[in-house]
């Protein structure tokens, strides 16, 4: 659902003079499959081992109860991410300028709460 929402916002992001990029720890093959399946018109960049997420302070170790829940539903995070960790990035939306300065950040410690694309677009238009 998140990728669908972002896909619908690409033209608004570009109209504001920006470029939309998603970053994920999942393997390149899985990312490409998502791009193809959803016909996405933006890049999904790989973050092996959640190194970028860690640098931004948004990497988290999944709690044991979440690991067990994911396993019950057949979701193998280490397999999807191509490493042995049960780590994920927090849901986050960042606007980073050309000098690498973060101009806007919406981050949720709750993995079930995703940043609202409308908030991001408002912030982008105000910059």
N, C-alpha and C. Protein backbone atom coordinates (compact mmCIF):
# COMPACT_ATOMS: atom_id res chain seq x y z
N UNK A 1 0.82 -1.19 0.00
CA UNK A 1 0.00 0.00 0.00
C UNK A 1 0.87 1.26 0.00
N UNK A 2 1.98 1.19 0.73
CA UNK A 2 2.87 2.34 0.80
C UNK A 2 3.45 2.67 -0.58
N UNK A 3 3.88 1.65 -1.30
CA UNK A 3 4.44 1.88 -2.62
C UNK A 3 3.39 2.41 -3.59
N UNK A 4 2.15 1.94 -3.46
CA UNK A 4 1.06 2.46 -4.29
C UNK A 4 0.85 3.95 -4.03
N UNK A 5 0.83 4.33 -2.75
CA UNK A 5 0.63 5.74 -2.38
C UNK A 5 1.78 6.60 -2.93
N UNK A 6 3.00 6.09 -2.81
CA UNK A 6 4.14 6.83 -3.33
C UNK A 6 4.07 6.94 -4.85
N UNK A 7 3.68 5.86 -5.50
CA UNK A 7 3.56 5.87 -6.95
C UNK A 7 2.59 6.93 -7.44
N UNK A 8 1.51 7.13 -6.70
CA UNK A 8 0.52 8.14 -7.07
C UNK A 8 1.03 9.56 -6.85
N UNK A 9 2.04 9.71 -6.01
CA UNK A 9 2.55 11.03 -5.66
C UNK A 9 3.76 11.45 -6.49
N UNK A 10 4.27 10.58 -7.35
CA UNK A 10 5.50 10.88 -8.09
C UNK A 10 5.38 12.19 -8.86
N UNK A 11 4.30 12.40 -9.57
CA UNK A 11 4.17 13.62 -10.39
C UNK A 11 4.14 14.86 -9.50
N UNK A 12 3.50 14.79 -8.33
CA UNK A 12 3.47 15.93 -7.41
C UNK A 12 4.86 16.23 -6.86
N UNK A 13 5.59 15.18 -6.55
CA UNK A 13 6.97 15.35 -6.05
C UNK A 13 7.83 16.01 -7.12
N UNK A 14 7.74 15.51 -8.34
CA UNK A 14 8.54 16.06 -9.44
C UNK A 14 8.12 17.49 -9.77
N UNK A 15 6.83 17.79 -9.67
CA UNK A 15 6.35 19.15 -9.93
C UNK A 15 6.93 20.14 -8.92
N UNK A 16 7.26 19.65 -7.72
CA UNK A 16 7.87 20.49 -6.70
C UNK A 16 9.38 20.58 -6.86
N UNK A 17 9.91 19.96 -7.91
CA UNK A 17 11.34 20.04 -8.18
C UNK A 17 12.18 19.01 -7.45
N UNK A 18 11.55 17.94 -6.99
CA UNK A 18 12.27 16.93 -6.22
C UNK A 18 12.23 15.58 -6.95
N UNK A 19 12.93 14.63 -6.39
CA UNK A 19 12.97 13.27 -6.93
C UNK A 19 12.59 12.31 -5.82
N UNK A 20 11.69 11.40 -6.12
CA UNK A 20 11.25 10.40 -5.15
C UNK A 20 12.11 9.15 -5.28
N UNK A 21 12.63 8.71 -4.14
CA UNK A 21 13.44 7.50 -4.08
C UNK A 21 13.05 6.74 -2.83
N UNK A 22 12.82 5.45 -2.97
CA UNK A 22 12.57 4.60 -1.80
C UNK A 22 13.85 3.84 -1.50
N UNK A 23 14.08 3.59 -0.22
CA UNK A 23 15.26 2.82 0.19
C UNK A 23 14.77 1.66 1.05
N UNK A 24 15.26 0.46 0.72
CA UNK A 24 14.81 -0.74 1.42
C UNK A 24 15.98 -1.70 1.64
N UNK A 25 15.92 -2.46 2.73
CA UNK A 25 16.95 -3.47 2.95
C UNK A 25 16.71 -4.75 2.13
N UNK A 26 15.54 -4.87 1.50
CA UNK A 26 15.26 -6.12 0.78
C UNK A 26 16.17 -6.28 -0.43
N UNK A 27 16.30 -7.48 -0.89
CA UNK A 27 17.21 -7.78 -2.00
C UNK A 27 16.79 -7.07 -3.28
N UNK A 28 17.75 -6.88 -4.15
CA UNK A 28 17.50 -6.19 -5.42
C UNK A 28 16.45 -6.92 -6.25
N UNK A 29 16.47 -8.25 -6.24
CA UNK A 29 15.49 -9.03 -7.00
C UNK A 29 14.08 -8.74 -6.52
N UNK A 30 13.88 -8.69 -5.21
CA UNK A 30 12.56 -8.40 -4.67
C UNK A 30 12.12 -6.97 -4.98
N UNK A 31 13.05 -6.05 -4.91
CA UNK A 31 12.74 -4.65 -5.25
C UNK A 31 12.34 -4.53 -6.71
N UNK A 32 13.08 -5.18 -7.58
CA UNK A 32 12.76 -5.11 -9.01
C UNK A 32 11.40 -5.75 -9.28
N UNK A 33 11.09 -6.84 -8.60
CA UNK A 33 9.79 -7.48 -8.77
C UNK A 33 8.66 -6.52 -8.36
N UNK A 34 8.87 -5.76 -7.29
CA UNK A 34 7.88 -4.76 -6.85
C UNK A 34 7.71 -3.67 -7.89
N UNK A 35 8.84 -3.18 -8.42
CA UNK A 35 8.79 -2.14 -9.44
C UNK A 35 8.00 -2.63 -10.64
N UNK A 36 8.28 -3.85 -11.07
CA UNK A 36 7.59 -4.42 -12.24
C UNK A 36 6.11 -4.66 -11.96
N UNK A 37 5.82 -5.28 -10.82
CA UNK A 37 4.44 -5.62 -10.47
C UNK A 37 3.56 -4.38 -10.34
N UNK A 38 4.09 -3.37 -9.68
CA UNK A 38 3.29 -2.18 -9.40
C UNK A 38 3.51 -1.07 -10.43
N UNK A 39 4.37 -1.35 -11.42
CA UNK A 39 4.67 -0.39 -12.48
C UNK A 39 5.07 0.97 -11.89
N UNK A 40 6.02 0.92 -10.98
CA UNK A 40 6.47 2.12 -10.28
C UNK A 40 7.37 2.96 -11.16
N UNK A 41 7.21 4.26 -11.03
CA UNK A 41 7.98 5.20 -11.83
C UNK A 41 8.98 5.96 -10.96
N UNK A 42 9.55 5.26 -9.99
CA UNK A 42 10.60 5.84 -9.16
C UNK A 42 11.55 4.72 -8.76
N UNK A 43 12.74 5.11 -8.35
CA UNK A 43 13.77 4.14 -7.99
C UNK A 43 13.55 3.58 -6.59
N UNK A 44 13.88 2.32 -6.44
CA UNK A 44 13.96 1.70 -5.12
C UNK A 44 15.41 1.28 -4.96
N UNK A 45 16.08 1.93 -4.03
CA UNK A 45 17.50 1.67 -3.81
C UNK A 45 17.69 0.66 -2.69
N UNK A 46 18.71 -0.15 -2.81
CA UNK A 46 19.00 -1.17 -1.82
C UNK A 46 19.82 -0.64 -0.65
N UNK A 47 19.53 -1.17 0.52
CA UNK A 47 20.27 -0.84 1.73
C UNK A 47 20.64 -2.13 2.44
N UNK A 48 21.60 -2.88 1.85
CA UNK A 48 21.99 -4.16 2.45
C UNK A 48 22.42 -4.00 3.91
N UNK A 49 21.88 -4.83 4.76
CA UNK A 49 22.22 -4.79 6.17
C UNK A 49 21.70 -3.57 6.90
N UNK A 50 20.79 -2.82 6.26
CA UNK A 50 20.22 -1.61 6.87
C UNK A 50 21.29 -0.60 7.27
N UNK A 51 22.35 -0.51 6.49
CA UNK A 51 23.44 0.41 6.83
C UNK A 51 23.01 1.88 6.76
N UNK A 52 22.22 2.23 5.75
CA UNK A 52 21.73 3.61 5.64
C UNK A 52 20.76 3.89 6.78
N UNK A 53 19.85 2.95 7.05
CA UNK A 53 18.91 3.12 8.16
C UNK A 53 19.67 3.31 9.47
N UNK A 54 20.73 2.54 9.65
CA UNK A 54 21.53 2.68 10.87
C UNK A 54 22.18 4.06 10.95
N UNK A 55 22.70 4.54 9.83
CA UNK A 55 23.35 5.85 9.80
C UNK A 55 22.37 6.97 10.16
N UNK A 56 21.11 6.80 9.78
CA UNK A 56 20.08 7.80 10.09
C UNK A 56 19.40 7.54 11.44
N UNK A 57 19.82 6.50 12.12
CA UNK A 57 19.27 6.21 13.45
C UNK A 57 17.87 5.63 13.43
N UNK A 58 17.49 4.99 12.32
CA UNK A 58 16.13 4.45 12.22
C UNK A 58 16.09 2.93 12.05
N UNK A 59 17.22 2.27 12.23
CA UNK A 59 17.27 0.81 12.17
C UNK A 59 16.85 0.26 13.53
N UNK A 60 16.01 -0.77 13.50
CA UNK A 60 15.67 -1.40 14.77
C UNK A 60 15.71 -2.91 14.67
N UNK A 61 16.04 -3.51 15.79
CA UNK A 61 16.05 -4.96 15.95
C UNK A 61 14.63 -5.38 16.30
N UNK A 62 14.08 -6.27 15.52
CA UNK A 62 12.71 -6.72 15.78
C UNK A 62 12.64 -7.46 17.11
N UNK A 63 11.62 -7.16 17.88
CA UNK A 63 11.40 -7.84 19.16
C UNK A 63 11.07 -9.30 18.91
N UNK A 64 11.39 -10.15 19.87
CA UNK A 64 11.15 -11.59 19.73
C UNK A 64 9.70 -11.91 19.37
N UNK A 65 8.74 -11.21 19.99
CA UNK A 65 7.34 -11.51 19.69
C UNK A 65 7.00 -11.17 18.24
N UNK A 66 7.65 -10.12 17.67
CA UNK A 66 7.42 -9.79 16.27
C UNK A 66 8.05 -10.82 15.34
N UNK A 67 9.23 -11.27 15.70
CA UNK A 67 9.90 -12.32 14.92
C UNK A 67 8.98 -13.54 14.84
N UNK A 68 8.45 -13.95 15.97
CA UNK A 68 7.56 -15.12 16.01
C UNK A 68 6.29 -14.87 15.21
N UNK A 69 5.73 -13.68 15.30
CA UNK A 69 4.53 -13.34 14.55
C UNK A 69 4.80 -13.38 13.05
N UNK A 70 5.90 -12.79 12.63
CA UNK A 70 6.27 -12.81 11.21
C UNK A 70 6.46 -14.25 10.73
N UNK A 71 7.13 -15.05 11.55
CA UNK A 71 7.34 -16.45 11.17
C UNK A 71 6.01 -17.18 11.00
N UNK A 72 5.05 -16.91 11.90
CA UNK A 72 3.72 -17.55 11.81
C UNK A 72 3.04 -17.24 10.48
N UNK A 73 3.27 -16.01 9.99
CA UNK A 73 2.67 -15.60 8.72
C UNK A 73 3.54 -15.92 7.52
N UNK A 74 4.65 -16.62 7.76
CA UNK A 74 5.52 -17.04 6.67
C UNK A 74 6.39 -15.93 6.10
N UNK A 75 6.59 -14.87 6.86
CA UNK A 75 7.42 -13.76 6.41
C UNK A 75 8.83 -13.96 6.96
N UNK A 76 9.77 -14.21 6.07
CA UNK A 76 11.15 -14.48 6.44
C UNK A 76 11.99 -13.24 6.16
N UNK A 77 12.07 -12.35 7.13
CA UNK A 77 12.78 -11.08 6.96
C UNK A 77 14.24 -11.30 6.56
N UNK A 78 14.99 -12.20 7.23
CA UNK A 78 16.37 -12.41 6.78
C UNK A 78 16.47 -12.83 5.31
N UNK A 79 15.57 -13.68 4.86
CA UNK A 79 15.60 -14.10 3.45
C UNK A 79 15.29 -12.93 2.53
N UNK A 80 14.28 -12.13 2.88
CA UNK A 80 13.93 -10.96 2.06
C UNK A 80 15.07 -9.94 2.00
N UNK A 81 15.79 -9.82 3.12
CA UNK A 81 16.84 -8.82 3.19
C UNK A 81 18.22 -9.34 2.81
N UNK A 82 18.34 -10.65 2.65
CA UNK A 82 19.61 -11.20 2.22
C UNK A 82 20.69 -11.19 3.28
N UNK A 83 20.28 -11.17 4.55
CA UNK A 83 21.25 -11.27 5.64
C UNK A 83 20.60 -12.08 6.77
N UNK A 84 21.30 -12.28 7.84
CA UNK A 84 20.78 -13.13 8.92
C UNK A 84 20.06 -12.36 10.02
N UNK A 85 19.97 -11.05 9.88
CA UNK A 85 19.39 -10.25 10.96
C UNK A 85 17.87 -10.15 10.83
N UNK A 86 17.25 -9.92 11.94
CA UNK A 86 15.82 -9.60 11.98
C UNK A 86 15.73 -8.10 12.29
N UNK A 87 16.29 -7.29 11.38
CA UNK A 87 16.26 -5.84 11.55
C UNK A 87 15.51 -5.21 10.39
N UNK A 88 14.89 -4.08 10.68
CA UNK A 88 14.16 -3.32 9.68
C UNK A 88 14.37 -1.83 9.94
N UNK A 89 14.13 -1.00 8.93
CA UNK A 89 14.13 0.44 9.19
C UNK A 89 12.75 0.84 9.73
N UNK A 90 12.73 1.86 10.57
CA UNK A 90 11.44 2.42 10.99
C UNK A 90 10.79 3.06 9.78
N UNK A 91 9.46 3.05 9.72
CA UNK A 91 8.79 3.78 8.64
C UNK A 91 9.20 5.25 8.71
N UNK A 92 9.74 5.76 7.62
CA UNK A 92 10.23 7.13 7.62
C UNK A 92 10.07 7.77 6.25
N UNK A 93 9.92 9.06 6.28
CA UNK A 93 9.89 9.85 5.05
C UNK A 93 10.78 11.05 5.30
N UNK A 94 11.80 11.21 4.46
CA UNK A 94 12.77 12.29 4.62
C UNK A 94 12.82 13.14 3.36
N UNK A 95 13.00 14.43 3.55
CA UNK A 95 13.32 15.31 2.43
C UNK A 95 14.75 15.77 2.69
N UNK A 96 15.63 15.42 1.77
CA UNK A 96 17.05 15.72 1.90
C UNK A 96 17.46 16.61 0.74
N UNK A 97 18.09 17.74 1.04
CA UNK A 97 18.47 18.65 -0.03
C UNK A 97 19.73 18.17 -0.75
N UNK A 98 20.14 18.90 -1.74
CA UNK A 98 21.29 18.49 -2.57
C UNK A 98 22.61 18.49 -1.81
N UNK A 99 22.66 19.17 -0.68
CA UNK A 99 23.88 19.18 0.15
C UNK A 99 23.84 18.08 1.19
N UNK A 100 22.78 17.28 1.20
CA UNK A 100 22.67 16.18 2.15
C UNK A 100 22.05 16.56 3.48
N UNK A 101 21.48 17.77 3.57
CA UNK A 101 20.86 18.24 4.80
C UNK A 101 19.41 17.77 4.84
N UNK A 102 19.01 17.16 5.96
CA UNK A 102 17.63 16.73 6.11
C UNK A 102 16.78 17.97 6.40
N UNK A 103 15.83 18.24 5.53
CA UNK A 103 14.96 19.41 5.65
C UNK A 103 13.60 19.06 6.26
N UNK A 104 13.26 17.79 6.23
CA UNK A 104 11.98 17.34 6.78
C UNK A 104 12.13 15.87 7.11
N UNK A 105 11.54 15.48 8.23
CA UNK A 105 11.55 14.07 8.61
C UNK A 105 10.25 13.73 9.31
N UNK A 106 9.66 12.65 8.89
CA UNK A 106 8.51 12.07 9.58
C UNK A 106 8.86 10.60 9.79
N UNK A 107 9.03 10.22 11.05
CA UNK A 107 9.49 8.88 11.40
C UNK A 107 8.57 8.33 12.46
N UNK A 108 8.23 7.06 12.32
CA UNK A 108 7.36 6.42 13.31
C UNK A 108 8.09 5.23 13.93
N UNK A 109 8.11 5.20 15.25
CA UNK A 109 8.68 4.05 15.94
C UNK A 109 7.75 2.85 15.87
N UNK A 110 6.49 3.08 15.50
CA UNK A 110 5.49 2.03 15.37
C UNK A 110 5.48 1.55 13.92
N UNK A 111 5.90 0.33 13.69
CA UNK A 111 6.02 -0.17 12.32
C UNK A 111 4.68 -0.23 11.59
N UNK A 112 3.58 -0.14 12.29
CA UNK A 112 2.26 -0.18 11.65
C UNK A 112 1.79 1.20 11.19
N UNK A 113 2.52 2.25 11.58
CA UNK A 113 2.13 3.63 11.23
C UNK A 113 3.08 4.15 10.17
N UNK A 114 2.54 4.44 9.01
CA UNK A 114 3.35 4.95 7.90
C UNK A 114 3.18 6.46 7.78
N UNK A 115 4.25 7.16 7.41
CA UNK A 115 4.13 8.60 7.21
C UNK A 115 3.09 8.91 6.13
N UNK A 116 2.38 10.01 6.31
CA UNK A 116 1.34 10.43 5.36
C UNK A 116 1.99 11.19 4.21
N UNK A 117 1.78 10.73 2.99
CA UNK A 117 2.38 11.37 1.82
C UNK A 117 1.93 12.81 1.69
N UNK A 118 0.71 13.13 2.13
CA UNK A 118 0.23 14.51 2.04
C UNK A 118 1.06 15.44 2.92
N UNK A 119 1.48 14.97 4.09
CA UNK A 119 2.34 15.78 4.96
C UNK A 119 3.67 16.05 4.26
N UNK A 120 4.19 15.04 3.62
CA UNK A 120 5.47 15.18 2.93
C UNK A 120 5.35 16.17 1.79
N UNK A 121 4.28 16.07 1.02
CA UNK A 121 4.08 16.99 -0.11
C UNK A 121 3.93 18.43 0.37
N UNK A 122 3.20 18.63 1.47
CA UNK A 122 3.06 19.99 2.03
C UNK A 122 4.42 20.53 2.44
N UNK A 123 5.22 19.71 3.10
CA UNK A 123 6.55 20.15 3.53
C UNK A 123 7.44 20.44 2.33
N UNK A 124 7.38 19.61 1.32
CA UNK A 124 8.18 19.80 0.11
C UNK A 124 7.82 21.12 -0.58
N UNK A 125 6.54 21.40 -0.69
CA UNK A 125 6.10 22.63 -1.36
C UNK A 125 6.48 23.88 -0.56
N UNK A 126 6.65 23.73 0.76
CA UNK A 126 6.99 24.89 1.58
C UNK A 126 8.49 25.20 1.56
N UNK A 127 9.30 24.29 1.05
CA UNK A 127 10.76 24.51 1.04
C UNK A 127 11.18 25.41 -0.12
